[in-house]
Amino acid sequence: MTKDKTESKIENKIEPLEILLSCKGIYTGLGVNHEDVQFRGLLEIIPVVNDKGVNIKYRAVGIHGNEFDDLDNLFSSETVLFNEEHTLIAL
């Protein structure tokens, strides 16, 4: 590979942080987990530190309430929290 082709590839590289920053907002959707239970997923992408990073929040919430028998569940009999995760990605 010549030097020109290498420089061209470097100039055209895609920065994952730039992609995430361009997608800031709140997203929601429905899914089915490995136990065939429906849930609503909420994904929030928030720019932080003058766009030098992003905070990513993800929450999976049950939508039928029939999972509320488990003592580890949070929220209410209508909305059971299955999972919540937070990630911070910065330069």
C-alpha atoms as a PDB file:
ATOM      1  CA  MET A   1       0.000   0.000   0.000  1.00  0.00           C
ATOM      2  CA  THR A   2       1.404   3.384  -0.902  1.00  0.00           C
ATOM      3  CA  LYS A   3       1.661   6.303   1.477  1.00  0.00           C
ATOM      4  CA  ASP A   4      -1.096   8.195  -0.390  1.00  0.00           C
ATOM      5  CA  LYS A   5      -3.620   5.376   0.129  1.00  0.00           C
ATOM      6  CA  THR A   6      -2.736   5.142   3.828  1.00  0.00           C
ATOM      7  CA  GLU A   7      -3.186   8.893   4.332  1.00  0.00           C
ATOM      8  CA  SER A   8      -6.499   8.749   2.468  1.00  0.00           C
ATOM      9  CA  LYS A   9      -7.802   6.016   4.785  1.00  0.00           C
ATOM     10  CA  ILE A  10      -6.808   8.032   7.863  1.00  0.00           C
ATOM     11  CA  GLU A  11      -8.554  11.157   6.548  1.00  0.00           C
ATOM     12  CA  ASN A  12     -11.790   9.196   5.962  1.00  0.00           C
ATOM     13  CA  LYS A  13     -11.893   7.400   9.326  1.00  0.00           C
ATOM     14  CA  ILE A  14     -15.132   7.529  11.283  1.00  0.00           C
ATOM     15  CA  GLU A  15     -15.022   8.555  14.925  1.00  0.00           C
ATOM     16  CA  PRO A  16     -17.497   6.576  17.068  1.00  0.00           C
ATOM     17  CA  LEU A  17     -17.896   9.524  19.458  1.00  0.00           C
ATOM     18  CA  GLU A  18     -18.928  11.802  16.562  1.00  0.00           C
ATOM     19  CA  ILE A  19     -21.571   9.284  15.514  1.00  0.00           C
ATOM     20  CA  LEU A  20     -22.973   9.100  19.054  1.00  0.00           C
ATOM     21  CA  LEU A  21     -23.000  12.899  19.404  1.00  0.00           C
ATOM     22  CA  SER A  22     -24.942  13.204  16.148  1.00  0.00           C
ATOM     23  CA  CYS A  23     -27.575  10.794  17.521  1.00  0.00           C
ATOM     24  CA  LYS A  24     -28.332  12.631  20.770  1.00  0.00           C
ATOM     25  CA  GLY A  25     -31.882  12.191  21.979  1.00  0.00           C
ATOM     26  CA  ILE A  26     -34.315   9.690  23.473  1.00  0.00           C
ATOM     27  CA  TYR A  27     -35.262   6.483  21.671  1.00  0.00           C
ATOM     28  CA  THR A  28     -37.878   3.908  22.619  1.00  0.00           C
ATOM     29  CA  GLY A  29     -38.946   0.540  21.288  1.00  0.00           C
ATOM     30  CA  LEU A  30     -40.496  -2.788  22.196  1.00  0.00           C
ATOM     31  CA  GLY A  31     -38.703  -6.092  22.579  1.00  0.00           C
ATOM     32  CA  VAL A  32     -38.959  -9.650  23.859  1.00  0.00           C
ATOM     33  CA  ASN A  33     -36.360 -11.033  26.260  1.00  0.00           C
ATOM     34  CA  HIS A  34     -34.851 -14.538  26.422  1.00  0.00           C
ATOM     35  CA  GLU A  35     -37.804 -15.716  28.550  1.00  0.00           C
ATOM     36  CA  ASP A  36     -40.295 -14.531  25.904  1.00  0.00           C
ATOM     37  CA  VAL A  37     -41.468 -11.614  28.091  1.00  0.00           C
ATOM     38  CA  GLN A  38     -42.243  -8.306  26.391  1.00  0.00           C
ATOM     39  CA  PHE A  39     -40.505  -5.121  27.533  1.00  0.00           C
ATOM     40  CA  ARG A  40     -40.186  -1.488  26.531  1.00  0.00           C
ATOM     41  CA  GLY A  41     -36.635  -0.272  25.966  1.00  0.00           C
ATOM     42  CA  LEU A  42     -35.628   3.349  26.541  1.00  0.00           C
ATOM     43  CA  LEU A  43     -32.264   4.632  25.270  1.00  0.00           C
ATOM     44  CA  GLU A  44     -31.053   8.157  25.997  1.00  0.00           C
ATOM     45  CA  ILE A  45     -27.891   9.662  24.481  1.00  0.00           C
ATOM     46  CA  ILE A  46     -26.786  12.896  26.188  1.00  0.00           C
ATOM     47  CA  PRO A  47     -23.740  14.992  25.183  1.00  0.00           C
ATOM     48  CA  VAL A  48     -21.496  15.923  28.148  1.00  0.00           C
ATOM     49  CA  VAL A  49     -18.396  18.037  28.833  1.00  0.00           C
ATOM     50  CA  ASN A  50     -18.823  20.428  25.883  1.00  0.00           C
ATOM     51  CA  ASP A  51     -19.410  17.554  23.435  1.00  0.00           C
ATOM     52  CA  LYS A  52     -16.207  15.776  24.511  1.00  0.00           C
ATOM     53  CA  GLY A  53     -18.250  12.758  25.583  1.00  0.00           C
ATOM     54  CA  VAL A  54     -21.666  11.152  25.792  1.00  0.00           C
ATOM     55  CA  ASN A  55     -23.692   9.680  28.616  1.00  0.00           C
ATOM     56  CA  ILE A  56     -25.735   6.671  27.515  1.00  0.00           C
ATOM     57  CA  LYS A  57     -28.660   5.483  29.652  1.00  0.00           C
ATOM     58  CA  TYR A  58     -30.581   2.314  28.866  1.00  0.00           C
ATOM     59  CA  ARG A  59     -33.631   1.013  30.683  1.00  0.00           C
ATOM     60  CA  ALA A  60     -35.723  -2.107  30.003  1.00  0.00           C
ATOM     61  CA  VAL A  61     -39.166  -1.987  31.636  1.00  0.00           C
ATOM     62  CA  GLY A  62     -41.815  -4.720  31.668  1.00  0.00           C
ATOM     63  CA  ILE A  63     -45.152  -3.757  30.167  1.00  0.00           C
ATOM     64  CA  HIS A  64     -47.619  -6.343  31.475  1.00  0.00           C
ATOM     65  CA  GLY A  65     -47.088  -6.335  35.242  1.00  0.00           C
ATOM     66  CA  ASN A  66     -47.264 -10.139  35.572  1.00  0.00           C
ATOM     67  CA  GLU A  67     -43.563 -10.220  36.567  1.00  0.00           C
ATOM     68  CA  PHE A  68     -44.189  -8.171  39.742  1.00  0.00           C
ATOM     69  CA  ASP A  69     -44.336 -11.272  41.991  1.00  0.00           C
ATOM     70  CA  ASP A  70     -40.525 -11.260  42.254  1.00  0.00           C
ATOM     71  CA  LEU A  71     -39.363  -9.296  45.334  1.00  0.00           C
ATOM     72  CA  ASP A  72     -36.331  -7.941  43.416  1.00  0.00           C
ATOM     73  CA  ASN A  73     -38.497  -5.992  40.952  1.00  0.00           C
ATOM     74  CA  LEU A  74     -38.829  -2.219  41.160  1.00  0.00           C
ATOM     75  CA  PHE A  75     -41.494   0.321  40.082  1.00  0.00           C
ATOM     76  CA  SER A  76     -45.089  -0.958  40.260  1.00  0.00           C
ATOM     77  CA  SER A  77     -47.310  -3.845  39.214  1.00  0.00           C
ATOM     78  CA  GLU A  78     -47.794  -2.121  35.825  1.00  0.00           C
ATOM     79  CA  THR A  79     -44.155  -1.356  35.064  1.00  0.00           C
ATOM     80  CA  VAL A  80     -41.410  -3.688  36.299  1.00  0.00           C
ATOM     81  CA  LEU A  81     -37.795  -2.545  35.905  1.00  0.00           C
ATOM     82  CA  PHE A  82     -35.827  -5.383  34.286  1.00  0.00           C
ATOM     83  CA  ASN A  83     -32.535  -3.646  33.679  1.00  0.00           C
ATOM     84  CA  GLU A  84     -30.932  -0.205  33.840  1.00  0.00           C
ATOM     85  CA  GLU A  85     -27.443   0.673  32.647  1.00  0.00           C
ATOM     86  CA  HIS A  86     -25.392   3.870  32.461  1.00  0.00           C
ATOM     87  CA  THR A  87     -22.263   4.366  30.374  1.00  0.00           C
ATOM     88  CA  LEU A  88     -20.028   7.393  29.961  1.00  0.00           C
ATOM     89  CA  ILE A  89     -17.769   7.625  26.909  1.00  0.00           C
ATOM     90  CA  ALA A  90     -15.341  10.557  26.690  1.00  0.00           C
ATOM     91  CA  LEU A  91     -12.076  11.561  25.072  1.00  0.00           C
END
